[in-house]
Amino acid sequence: MSTPDTIELATISDGSEQQQMPPQPRSLPGPDESAHGLAGDGLSLHSWEAALQGNKCQIVQSVSPRWSKLSWAYRLLRVPFPNPEQCGYDISIIEMQRTYVNALRAELVDLGIQLRWPDDLPKTTSRLSKTLEKYVQAIRDLEYMEPPFLRKPSNFKVAYERGFDRGLLRNAMERARNTRPPANRDTNDGAAPFVLSRFMRDTGPWENLPANAEIKSFVHSEPGSTFGLIFGVCGICALLAPMWTLAFTIDLSLQLSITTIYICAFCFALTFFLDKPEHILGGSLAYAAVLMVFVGATMADPNKSGDA
């Protein structure tokens, strides 16, 4: 039975029965193109099956419209996921590339065994040369794709949060639904990705474009502008709040206590918005330096010294 993580995206235009194929970055031939157990690209079907065992769950991922920056709060408060019909899924192109790399690696393992105990050495060495060339090129492609993939939005992910991609994904899922059995929520067999709530990731806010809206660019910038405005307001509050608090505080120990609380809270907040430790440390140190300037300014105030 088909699993929820392998979506049949390959369709036949004449409406006949669809063939089930795993997602792949390179075109896979049909069974009639195989020779001696090899696909047309030189990779055995066994290699593709072995590669998909480790990557198929990452190719298609369930997503929800809840704000991604507040995922920690949803988990902490145990907020239930939205209605499955309001959710969606992403397709990772870079995971397809990783699957291709893993298939090549599995093929090289088989070739290594055949080189150790050769039956047809000329044929094995010929396959080895071609497979090694493909493997090196696939690794180069993967290293090229990884840095842009970490940026948001990424051209190496078909994301449900983008209005343009959402239409493509909905159409693909509707075509897949026509050939899939009813979902079994106990075993997840036959289930569409967006009903598997326990595997969902929060990727909101999603673009909210009317159905007849003209898409002027591949990526809509409204969510980014909204986040920029919110973060700007939060940054201003993070500076103004301790500044005014320290302005009405005379005791040095109380000022240092207040400063410590603000620095700890700021560092704690950064852990949810930044991934790299050096960025978290740098932001915390910069914020601490600004607050210590506030403390020094209040201590140097002659009016407060005289009152003390």
C-alpha atoms as a PDB file:
ATOM      1  CA  MET A   1       0.000   0.000   0.000  1.00  0.00           C
ATOM      2  CA  SER A   2       1.211   3.460  -0.815  1.00  0.00           C
ATOM      3  CA  THR A   3       2.584   5.427   2.113  1.00  0.00           C
ATOM      4  CA  PRO A   4       1.680   9.084   2.798  1.00  0.00           C
ATOM      5  CA  ASP A   5       5.165  10.260   2.069  1.00  0.00           C
ATOM      6  CA  THR A   6       5.379   9.092  -1.546  1.00  0.00           C
ATOM      7  CA  ILE A   7       3.029  11.200  -3.624  1.00  0.00           C
ATOM      8  CA  GLU A   8       2.374  10.125  -7.181  1.00  0.00           C
ATOM      9  CA  LEU A   9       3.151  13.316  -9.067  1.00  0.00           C
ATOM     10  CA  ALA A  10       3.649  11.658 -12.443  1.00  0.00           C
ATOM     11  CA  THR A  11       0.402  11.677 -14.467  1.00  0.00           C
ATOM     12  CA  ILE A  12      -0.647  10.461 -17.900  1.00  0.00           C
ATOM     13  CA  SER A  13      -2.277  13.099 -20.056  1.00  0.00           C
ATOM     14  CA  ASP A  14      -4.886  10.792 -21.643  1.00  0.00           C
ATOM     15  CA  GLY A  15      -6.528  10.102 -18.273  1.00  0.00           C
ATOM     16  CA  SER A  16      -5.443   6.473 -18.097  1.00  0.00           C
ATOM     17  CA  GLU A  17      -4.174   4.815 -14.937  1.00  0.00           C
ATOM     18  CA  GLN A  18      -1.304   6.697 -13.334  1.00  0.00           C
ATOM     19  CA  GLN A  19       2.058   5.097 -12.688  1.00  0.00           C
ATOM     20  CA  GLN A  20       3.551   5.335  -9.205  1.00  0.00           C
ATOM     21  CA  MET A  21       7.045   6.767  -9.200  1.00  0.00           C
ATOM     22  CA  PRO A  22       9.147   8.257  -6.407  1.00  0.00           C
ATOM     23  CA  PRO A  23      10.017  11.966  -6.699  1.00  0.00           C
ATOM     24  CA  GLN A  24      13.363  12.443  -8.401  1.00  0.00           C
ATOM     25  CA  PRO A  25      15.549  15.300  -9.646  1.00  0.00           C
ATOM     26  CA  ARG A  26      16.444  13.309 -12.763  1.00  0.00           C
ATOM     27  CA  SER A  27      13.989  11.577 -15.082  1.00  0.00           C
ATOM     28  CA  LEU A  28      13.513   7.876 -14.371  1.00  0.00           C
ATOM     29  CA  PRO A  29      12.730   5.479 -17.207  1.00  0.00           C
ATOM     30  CA  GLY A  30       9.901   3.028 -17.158  1.00  0.00           C
ATOM     31  CA  PRO A  31      10.365  -0.691 -16.646  1.00  0.00           C
ATOM     32  CA  ASP A  32      10.557  -1.293 -20.393  1.00  0.00           C
ATOM     33  CA  GLU A  33      13.747   0.787 -20.560  1.00  0.00           C
ATOM     34  CA  SER A  34      15.578  -1.274 -17.971  1.00  0.00           C
ATOM     35  CA  ALA A  35      18.388  -3.574 -18.922  1.00  0.00           C
ATOM     36  CA  HIS A  36      19.963  -6.088 -16.572  1.00  0.00           C
ATOM     37  CA  GLY A  37      18.189  -4.458 -13.655  1.00  0.00           C
ATOM     38  CA  LEU A  38      19.518  -0.981 -14.556  1.00  0.00           C
ATOM     39  CA  ALA A  39      17.492   2.125 -15.229  1.00  0.00           C
ATOM     40  CA  GLY A  40      18.209   4.224 -18.280  1.00  0.00           C
ATOM     41  CA  ASP A  41      20.444   6.585 -16.298  1.00  0.00           C
ATOM     42  CA  GLY A  42      22.676   3.719 -15.158  1.00  0.00           C
ATOM     43  CA  LEU A  43      21.206   3.446 -11.646  1.00  0.00           C
ATOM     44  CA  SER A  44      19.497   0.272 -10.516  1.00  0.00           C
ATOM     45  CA  LEU A  45      15.980   0.432  -9.154  1.00  0.00           C
ATOM     46  CA  HIS A  46      17.361  -1.087  -5.959  1.00  0.00           C
ATOM     47  CA  SER A  47      19.574   2.001  -5.515  1.00  0.00           C
ATOM     48  CA  TRP A  48      16.591   4.320  -5.902  1.00  0.00           C
ATOM     49  CA  GLU A  49      14.555   2.306  -3.411  1.00  0.00           C
ATOM     50  CA  ALA A  50      17.406   2.390  -0.896  1.00  0.00           C
ATOM     51  CA  ALA A  51      17.775   6.168  -1.329  1.00  0.00           C
ATOM     52  CA  LEU A  52      14.061   6.782  -0.837  1.00  0.00           C
ATOM     53  CA  GLN A  53      14.031   4.850   2.425  1.00  0.00           C
ATOM     54  CA  GLY A  54      15.941   7.673   4.082  1.00  0.00           C
ATOM     55  CA  ASN A  55      14.650  10.741   2.218  1.00  0.00           C
ATOM     56  CA  LYS A  56      11.062  10.236   1.134  1.00  0.00           C
ATOM     57  CA  CYS A  57       9.676  11.660   4.390  1.00  0.00           C
ATOM     58  CA  GLN A  58      11.615  14.883   3.782  1.00  0.00           C
ATOM     59  CA  ILE A  59      10.569  15.424   0.167  1.00  0.00           C
ATOM     60  CA  VAL A  60       6.917  16.162   0.988  1.00  0.00           C
ATOM     61  CA  GLN A  61       6.292  17.844   4.348  1.00  0.00           C
ATOM     62  CA  SER A  62       3.031  18.924   5.961  1.00  0.00           C
ATOM     63  CA  VAL A  63       2.760  22.622   6.877  1.00  0.00           C
ATOM     64  CA  SER A  64       0.266  24.787   8.738  1.00  0.00           C
ATOM     65  CA  PRO A  65      -0.544  28.517   8.371  1.00  0.00           C
ATOM     66  CA  ARG A  66       0.385  29.290  11.993  1.00  0.00           C
ATOM     67  CA  TRP A  67       3.208  31.782  12.394  1.00  0.00           C
ATOM     68  CA  SER A  68       6.565  30.045  12.208  1.00  0.00           C
ATOM     69  CA  LYS A  69       8.186  32.483  14.653  1.00  0.00           C
ATOM     70  CA  LEU A  70       5.693  31.464  17.336  1.00  0.00           C
ATOM     71  CA  SER A  71       6.108  27.700  16.950  1.00  0.00           C
ATOM     72  CA  TRP A  72       7.750  27.480  20.360  1.00  0.00           C
ATOM     73  CA  ALA A  73       4.729  29.122  21.989  1.00  0.00           C
ATOM     74  CA  TYR A  74       2.315  26.770  20.221  1.00  0.00           C
ATOM     75  CA  ARG A  75       4.290  23.762  21.438  1.00  0.00           C
ATOM     76  CA  LEU A  76       4.606  25.163  24.957  1.00  0.00           C
ATOM     77  CA  LEU A  77       0.883  25.876  25.250  1.00  0.00           C
ATOM     78  CA  ARG A  78      -0.054  22.683  23.348  1.00  0.00           C
ATOM     79  CA  VAL A  79      -2.172  24.623  20.866  1.00  0.00           C
ATOM     80  CA  PRO A  80      -3.872  22.176  18.461  1.00  0.00           C
ATOM     81  CA  PHE A  81      -3.173  22.408  14.752  1.00  0.00           C
ATOM     82  CA  PRO A  82      -5.739  24.094  12.484  1.00  0.00           C
ATOM     83  CA  ASN A  83      -8.309  22.149  10.517  1.00  0.00           C
ATOM     84  CA  PRO A  84      -6.532  19.844   8.021  1.00  0.00           C
ATOM     85  CA  GLU A  85      -8.329  21.498   5.123  1.00  0.00           C
ATOM     86  CA  GLN A  86      -6.681  24.796   6.093  1.00  0.00           C
ATOM     87  CA  CYS A  87      -3.192  23.291   5.983  1.00  0.00           C
ATOM     88  CA  GLY A  88      -0.968  22.290   3.102  1.00  0.00           C
ATOM     89  CA  TYR A  89       2.388  20.823   2.210  1.00  0.00           C
ATOM     90  CA  ASP A  90       5.786  21.741   0.799  1.00  0.00           C
ATOM     91  CA  ILE A  91       7.915  19.879  -1.727  1.00  0.00           C
ATOM     92  CA  SER A  92      11.657  20.167  -1.224  1.00  0.00           C
ATOM     93  CA  ILE A  93      13.683  20.184  -4.430  1.00  0.00           C
ATOM     94  CA  ILE A  94      16.936  19.984  -2.503  1.00  0.00           C
ATOM     95  CA  GLU A  95      15.719  16.775  -0.829  1.00  0.00           C
ATOM     96  CA  MET A  96      15.127  15.367  -4.295  1.00  0.00           C
ATOM     97  CA  GLN A  97      18.742  16.168  -5.065  1.00  0.00           C
ATOM     98  CA  ARG A  98      19.838  14.473  -1.825  1.00  0.00           C
ATOM     99  CA  THR A  99      17.815  11.427  -2.854  1.00  0.00           C
ATOM    100  CA  TYR A 100      19.658  11.376  -6.160  1.00  0.00           C
ATOM    101  CA  VAL A 101      22.998  11.615  -4.329  1.00  0.00           C
ATOM    102  CA  ASN A 102      21.991   8.765  -2.015  1.00  0.00           C
ATOM    103  CA  ALA A 103      20.945   6.638  -4.985  1.00  0.00           C
ATOM    104  CA  LEU A 104      24.354   7.202  -6.562  1.00  0.00           C
ATOM    105  CA  ARG A 105      26.022   6.333  -3.253  1.00  0.00           C
ATOM    106  CA  ALA A 106      24.033   3.094  -3.033  1.00  0.00           C
ATOM    107  CA  GLU A 107      25.060   2.294  -6.602  1.00  0.00           C
ATOM    108  CA  LEU A 108      28.724   2.877  -5.741  1.00  0.00           C
ATOM    109  CA  VAL A 109      28.402   0.470  -2.815  1.00  0.00           C
ATOM    110  CA  ASP A 110      27.148  -2.258  -5.166  1.00  0.00           C
ATOM    111  CA  LEU A 111      29.945  -1.487  -7.617  1.00  0.00           C
ATOM    112  CA  GLY A 112      32.490  -1.725  -4.814  1.00  0.00           C
ATOM    113  CA  ILE A 113      31.282  -5.246  -4.019  1.00  0.00           C
ATOM    114  CA  GLN A 114      31.417  -6.175  -7.692  1.00  0.00           C
ATOM    115  CA  LEU A 115      34.983  -4.882  -7.954  1.00  0.00           C
ATOM    116  CA  ARG A 116      35.992  -7.027  -4.987  1.00  0.00           C
ATOM    117  CA  TRP A 117      34.484 -10.160  -6.529  1.00  0.00           C
ATOM    118  CA  PRO A 118      34.214  -9.314 -10.248  1.00  0.00           C
ATOM    119  CA  ASP A 119      32.128 -11.346 -12.685  1.00  0.00           C
ATOM    120  CA  ASP A 120      32.383  -8.989 -15.654  1.00  0.00           C
ATOM    121  CA  LEU A 121      35.221  -6.562 -14.909  1.00  0.00           C
ATOM    122  CA  PRO A 122      35.056  -4.470 -18.144  1.00  0.00           C
ATOM    123  CA  LYS A 123      31.341  -3.841 -17.666  1.00  0.00           C
ATOM    124  CA  THR A 124      31.789  -3.044 -13.963  1.00  0.00           C
ATOM    125  CA  THR A 125      34.604  -0.558 -14.563  1.00  0.00           C
ATOM    126  CA  SER A 126      32.610   1.138 -17.315  1.00  0.00           C
ATOM    127  CA  ARG A 127      29.643   1.589 -14.969  1.00  0.00           C
ATOM    128  CA  LEU A 128      31.977   2.773 -12.199  1.00  0.00           C
ATOM    129  CA  SER A 129      33.450   5.528 -14.360  1.00  0.00           C
ATOM    130  CA  LYS A 130      30.034   6.869 -15.342  1.00  0.00           C
ATOM    131  CA  THR A 131      28.607   6.600 -11.819  1.00  0.00           C
ATOM    132  CA  LEU A 132      31.579   8.370 -10.239  1.00  0.00           C
ATOM    133  CA  GLU A 133      31.262  11.216 -12.732  1.00  0.00           C
ATOM    134  CA  LYS A 134      27.561  11.600 -11.921  1.00  0.00           C
ATOM    135  CA  TYR A 135      28.229  11.377  -8.178  1.00  0.00           C
ATOM    136  CA  VAL A 136      30.857  14.138  -8.204  1.00  0.00           C
ATOM    137  CA  GLN A 137      28.591  16.399 -10.271  1.00  0.00           C
ATOM    138  CA  ALA A 138      25.615  15.659  -8.004  1.00  0.00           C
ATOM    139  CA  ILE A 139      27.661  16.605  -4.921  1.00  0.00           C
ATOM    140  CA  ARG A 140      28.674  19.880  -6.584  1.00  0.00           C
ATOM    141  CA  ASP A 141      25.057  20.632  -7.424  1.00  0.00           C
ATOM    142  CA  LEU A 142      23.996  19.873  -3.844  1.00  0.00           C
ATOM    143  CA  GLU A 143      26.666  22.160  -2.382  1.00  0.00           C
ATOM    144  CA  TYR A 144      25.497  24.907  -4.747  1.00  0.00           C
ATOM    145  CA  MET A 145      21.856  24.428  -3.716  1.00  0.00           C
ATOM    146  CA  GLU A 146      22.336  24.338   0.066  1.00  0.00           C
ATOM    147  CA  PRO A 147      23.195  28.030   0.797  1.00  0.00           C
ATOM    148  CA  PRO A 148      20.227  29.440  -1.185  1.00  0.00           C
ATOM    149  CA  PHE A 149      17.948  26.815   0.391  1.00  0.00           C
ATOM    150  CA  LEU A 150      18.609  28.260   3.863  1.00  0.00           C
ATOM    151  CA  ARG A 151      17.328  31.641   2.734  1.00  0.00           C
ATOM    152  CA  LYS A 152      13.624  32.371   2.829  1.00  0.00           C
ATOM    153  CA  PRO A 153      11.977  32.243   0.388  1.00  0.00           C
ATOM    154  CA  SER A 154      14.002  29.576  -1.428  1.00  0.00           C
ATOM    155  CA  ASN A 155      13.818  28.710  -5.101  1.00  0.00           C
ATOM    156  CA  PHE A 156      14.671  25.117  -4.165  1.00  0.00           C
ATOM    157  CA  LYS A 157      11.390  24.586  -2.313  1.00  0.00           C
ATOM    158  CA  VAL A 158       7.851  24.629  -3.671  1.00  0.00           C
ATOM    159  CA  ALA A 159       6.218  26.259  -0.653  1.00  0.00           C
ATOM    160  CA  TYR A 160       2.515  26.353   0.196  1.00  0.00           C
ATOM    161  CA  GLU A 161       2.989  29.756   1.809  1.00  0.00           C
ATOM    162  CA  ARG A 162       3.568  31.358  -1.618  1.00  0.00           C
ATOM    163  CA  GLY A 163       0.477  32.165  -3.606  1.00  0.00           C
ATOM    164  CA  PHE A 164       1.967  31.062  -6.920  1.00  0.00           C
ATOM    165  CA  ASP A 165       3.209  27.727  -5.577  1.00  0.00           C
ATOM    166  CA  ARG A 166      -0.020  27.043  -3.705  1.00  0.00           C
ATOM    167  CA  GLY A 167      -1.979  26.643  -6.919  1.00  0.00           C
ATOM    168  CA  LEU A 168       0.573  24.183  -8.289  1.00  0.00           C
ATOM    169  CA  LEU A 169       0.546  22.124  -5.101  1.00  0.00           C
ATOM    170  CA  ARG A 170      -3.241  22.046  -4.871  1.00  0.00           C
ATOM    171  CA  ASN A 171      -3.560  20.798  -8.442  1.00  0.00           C
ATOM    172  CA  ALA A 172      -0.917  18.133  -7.843  1.00  0.00           C
ATOM    173  CA  MET A 173      -2.668  16.945  -4.696  1.00  0.00           C
ATOM    174  CA  GLU A 174      -6.043  16.779  -6.428  1.00  0.00           C
ATOM    175  CA  ARG A 175      -4.518  14.596  -9.146  1.00  0.00           C
ATOM    176  CA  ALA A 176      -2.934  12.383  -6.486  1.00  0.00           C
ATOM    177  CA  ARG A 177      -6.207  12.069  -4.574  1.00  0.00           C
ATOM    178  CA  ASN A 178      -7.874  10.456  -7.584  1.00  0.00           C
ATOM    179  CA  THR A 179      -5.573   7.440  -7.357  1.00  0.00           C
ATOM    180  CA  ARG A 180      -5.106   7.149  -3.584  1.00  0.00           C
ATOM    181  CA  PRO A 181      -7.154   4.980  -1.193  1.00  0.00           C
ATOM    182  CA  PRO A 182      -9.086   6.600   1.689  1.00  0.00           C
ATOM    183  CA  ALA A 183      -6.897   7.864   4.516  1.00  0.00           C
ATOM    184  CA  ASN A 184      -6.398   5.631   7.540  1.00  0.00           C
ATOM    185  CA  ARG A 185      -5.632   7.899  10.494  1.00  0.00           C
ATOM    186  CA  ASP A 186      -4.335   4.985  12.574  1.00  0.00           C
ATOM    187  CA  THR A 187      -1.702   3.787  10.129  1.00  0.00           C
ATOM    188  CA  ASN A 188      -1.489   6.924   7.905  1.00  0.00           C
ATOM    189  CA  ASP A 189      -1.769   4.617   4.878  1.00  0.00           C
ATOM    190  CA  GLY A 190      -3.186   6.479   1.928  1.00  0.00           C
ATOM    191  CA  ALA A 191      -3.332   9.774   3.793  1.00  0.00           C
ATOM    192  CA  ALA A 192      -2.607  13.041   2.077  1.00  0.00           C
ATOM    193  CA  PRO A 193       0.339  14.921   3.636  1.00  0.00           C
ATOM    194  CA  PHE A 194      -1.680  17.805   5.011  1.00  0.00           C
ATOM    195  CA  VAL A 195      -3.794  15.577   7.291  1.00  0.00           C
ATOM    196  CA  LEU A 196      -0.737  14.254   9.130  1.00  0.00           C
ATOM    197  CA  SER A 197      -0.812  16.881  11.866  1.00  0.00           C
ATOM    198  CA  ARG A 198       1.887  15.299  13.999  1.00  0.00           C
ATOM    199  CA  PHE A 199       4.415  15.901  11.206  1.00  0.00           C
ATOM    200  CA  MET A 200       3.366  19.486  10.483  1.00  0.00           C
ATOM    201  CA  ARG A 201       5.637  22.515  10.520  1.00  0.00           C
ATOM    202  CA  ASP A 202       4.423  26.061  11.088  1.00  0.00           C
ATOM    203  CA  THR A 203       5.344  28.222   8.075  1.00  0.00           C
ATOM    204  CA  GLY A 204       2.933  31.161   8.340  1.00  0.00           C
ATOM    205  CA  PRO A 205       1.950  33.792   7.682  1.00  0.00           C
ATOM    206  CA  TRP A 206       1.016  32.702   4.162  1.00  0.00           C
ATOM    207  CA  GLU A 207       0.429  35.044   1.276  1.00  0.00           C
ATOM    208  CA  ASN A 208      -3.226  35.996   1.032  1.00  0.00           C
ATOM    209  CA  LEU A 209      -3.874  36.784  -2.620  1.00  0.00           C
ATOM    210  CA  PRO A 210      -7.336  36.847  -4.258  1.00  0.00           C
ATOM    211  CA  ALA A 211      -8.036  34.069  -6.717  1.00  0.00           C
ATOM    212  CA  ASN A 212      -8.047  36.492  -9.674  1.00  0.00           C
ATOM    213  CA  ALA A 213      -5.063  38.565  -8.465  1.00  0.00           C
ATOM    214  CA  GLU A 214      -2.246  39.219 -10.907  1.00  0.00           C
ATOM    215  CA  ILE A 215       1.036  37.746  -9.671  1.00  0.00           C
ATOM    216  CA  LYS A 216       3.625  40.405 -10.471  1.00  0.00           C
ATOM    217  CA  SER A 217       6.616  38.470  -9.201  1.00  0.00           C
ATOM    218  CA  PHE A 218       7.562  34.913  -8.293  1.00  0.00           C
ATOM    219  CA  VAL A 219       7.794  35.805  -4.610  1.00  0.00           C
ATOM    220  CA  HIS A 220       5.346  38.146  -2.932  1.00  0.00           C
ATOM    221  CA  SER A 221       6.965  40.502  -0.437  1.00  0.00           C
ATOM    222  CA  GLU A 222       4.019  41.269   1.852  1.00  0.00           C
ATOM    223  CA  PRO A 223       4.896  38.743   4.638  1.00  0.00           C
ATOM    224  CA  GLY A 224       8.472  40.003   4.723  1.00  0.00           C
ATOM    225  CA  SER A 225       7.325  43.612   5.069  1.00  0.00           C
ATOM    226  CA  THR A 226       4.922  42.674   7.861  1.00  0.00           C
ATOM    227  CA  PHE A 227       7.637  40.863   9.784  1.00  0.00           C
ATOM    228  CA  GLY A 228      10.016  43.775   9.306  1.00  0.00           C
ATOM    229  CA  LEU A 229       7.506  46.212  10.773  1.00  0.00           C
ATOM    230  CA  ILE A 230       6.762  43.949  13.756  1.00  0.00           C
ATOM    231  CA  PHE A 231      10.430  43.338  14.507  1.00  0.00           C
ATOM    232  CA  GLY A 232      11.149  47.063  14.219  1.00  0.00           C
ATOM    233  CA  VAL A 233       8.487  47.882  16.804  1.00  0.00           C
ATOM    234  CA  CYS A 234       9.771  45.122  19.113  1.00  0.00           C
ATOM    235  CA  GLY A 235      13.325  46.444  18.776  1.00  0.00           C
ATOM    236  CA  ILE A 236      12.265  49.968  19.703  1.00  0.00           C
ATOM    237  CA  CYS A 237      10.369  48.672  22.743  1.00  0.00           C
ATOM    238  CA  ALA A 238      13.385  46.593  23.804  1.00  0.00           C
ATOM    239  CA  LEU A 239      15.450  49.795  23.988  1.00  0.00           C
ATOM    240  CA  LEU A 240      12.891  52.279  25.272  1.00  0.00           C
ATOM    241  CA  ALA A 241      11.553  50.106  28.100  1.00  0.00           C
ATOM    242  CA  PRO A 242      14.870  49.691  29.982  1.00  0.00           C
ATOM    243  CA  MET A 243      15.868  53.282  29.234  1.00  0.00           C
ATOM    244  CA  TRP A 244      12.803  54.734  30.954  1.00  0.00           C
ATOM    245  CA  THR A 245      12.913  52.146  33.733  1.00  0.00           C
ATOM    246  CA  LEU A 246      16.499  53.067  34.587  1.00  0.00           C
ATOM    247  CA  ALA A 247      15.697  56.781  34.356  1.00  0.00           C
ATOM    248  CA  PHE A 248      13.387  56.521  37.396  1.00  0.00           C
ATOM    249  CA  THR A 249      15.662  54.195  39.382  1.00  0.00           C
ATOM    250  CA  ILE A 250      18.292  55.586  41.774  1.00  0.00           C
ATOM    251  CA  ASP A 251      19.752  52.571  43.541  1.00  0.00           C
ATOM    252  CA  LEU A 252      22.679  51.018  41.640  1.00  0.00           C
ATOM    253  CA  SER A 253      21.922  47.446  42.691  1.00  0.00           C
ATOM    254  CA  LEU A 254      18.344  47.830  41.507  1.00  0.00           C
ATOM    255  CA  GLN A 255      19.539  49.236  38.182  1.00  0.00           C
ATOM    256  CA  LEU A 256      21.891  46.290  37.677  1.00  0.00           C
ATOM    257  CA  SER A 257      19.114  43.857  38.574  1.00  0.00           C
ATOM    258  CA  ILE A 258      16.781  45.451  36.049  1.00  0.00           C
ATOM    259  CA  THR A 259      19.517  45.419  33.411  1.00  0.00           C
ATOM    260  CA  THR A 260      20.199  41.729  34.068  1.00  0.00           C
ATOM    261  CA  ILE A 261      16.530  40.853  33.639  1.00  0.00           C
ATOM    262  CA  TYR A 262      16.277  42.716  30.330  1.00  0.00           C
ATOM    263  CA  ILE A 263      19.487  41.145  28.980  1.00  0.00           C
ATOM    264  CA  CYS A 264      18.371  37.622  29.913  1.00  0.00           C
ATOM    265  CA  ALA A 265      14.953  38.172  28.345  1.00  0.00           C
ATOM    266  CA  PHE A 266      16.520  39.554  25.169  1.00  0.00           C
ATOM    267  CA  CYS A 267      18.961  36.633  24.904  1.00  0.00           C
ATOM    268  CA  PHE A 268      16.115  34.176  25.476  1.00  0.00           C
ATOM    269  CA  ALA A 269      14.097  35.784  22.673  1.00  0.00           C
ATOM    270  CA  LEU A 270      17.046  35.630  20.271  1.00  0.00           C
ATOM    271  CA  THR A 271      17.275  31.861  20.659  1.00  0.00           C
ATOM    272  CA  PHE A 272      13.903  31.532  18.915  1.00  0.00           C
ATOM    273  CA  PHE A 273      14.711  33.842  16.006  1.00  0.00           C
ATOM    274  CA  LEU A 274      18.395  33.131  15.311  1.00  0.00           C
ATOM    275  CA  ASP A 275      19.975  29.786  14.465  1.00  0.00           C
ATOM    276  CA  LYS A 276      23.705  30.362  14.781  1.00  0.00           C
ATOM    277  CA  PRO A 277      25.206  30.616  18.296  1.00  0.00           C
ATOM    278  CA  GLU A 278      27.610  33.367  17.280  1.00  0.00           C
ATOM    279  CA  HIS A 279      24.699  35.527  16.125  1.00  0.00           C
ATOM    280  CA  ILE A 280      22.884  34.997  19.428  1.00  0.00           C
ATOM    281  CA  LEU A 281      26.021  35.837  21.403  1.00  0.00           C
ATOM    282  CA  GLY A 282      26.764  38.921  19.298  1.00  0.00           C
ATOM    283  CA  GLY A 283      23.228  40.257  19.614  1.00  0.00           C
ATOM    284  CA  SER A 284      23.190  39.708  23.372  1.00  0.00           C
ATOM    285  CA  LEU A 285      26.543  41.442  23.851  1.00  0.00           C
ATOM    286  CA  ALA A 286      25.472  44.424  21.757  1.00  0.00           C
ATOM    287  CA  TYR A 287      22.238  44.769  23.717  1.00  0.00           C
ATOM    288  CA  ALA A 288      24.089  44.451  27.034  1.00  0.00           C
ATOM    289  CA  ALA A 289      26.541  47.162  25.966  1.00  0.00           C
ATOM    290  CA  VAL A 290      23.702  49.557  25.157  1.00  0.00           C
ATOM    291  CA  LEU A 291      22.028  48.950  28.521  1.00  0.00           C
ATOM    292  CA  MET A 292      25.294  49.473  30.393  1.00  0.00           C
ATOM    293  CA  VAL A 293      25.595  52.831  28.639  1.00  0.00           C
ATOM    294  CA  PHE A 294      22.155  53.679  30.024  1.00  0.00           C
ATOM    295  CA  VAL A 295      23.297  52.654  33.522  1.00  0.00           C
ATOM    296  CA  GLY A 296      26.430  54.781  33.229  1.00  0.00           C
ATOM    297  CA  ALA A 297      24.425  57.757  32.007  1.00  0.00           C
ATOM    298  CA  THR A 298      22.015  57.584  34.933  1.00  0.00           C
ATOM    299  CA  MET A 299      24.858  57.236  37.450  1.00  0.00           C
ATOM    300  CA  ALA A 300      26.621  60.265  35.986  1.00  0.00           C
ATOM    301  CA  ASP A 301      23.502  62.419  36.340  1.00  0.00           C
ATOM    302  CA  PRO A 302      24.422  65.163  38.885  1.00  0.00           C
ATOM    303  CA  ASN A 303      20.786  65.607  39.939  1.00  0.00           C
ATOM    304  CA  LYS A 304      20.550  61.951  41.027  1.00  0.00           C
ATOM    305  CA  SER A 305      23.892  62.119  42.804  1.00  0.00           C
ATOM    306  CA  GLY A 306      22.763  65.121  44.803  1.00  0.00           C
ATOM    307  CA  ASP A 307      19.471  63.473  45.722  1.00  0.00           C
ATOM    308  CA  ALA A 308      21.336  60.393  46.891  1.00  0.00           C
END
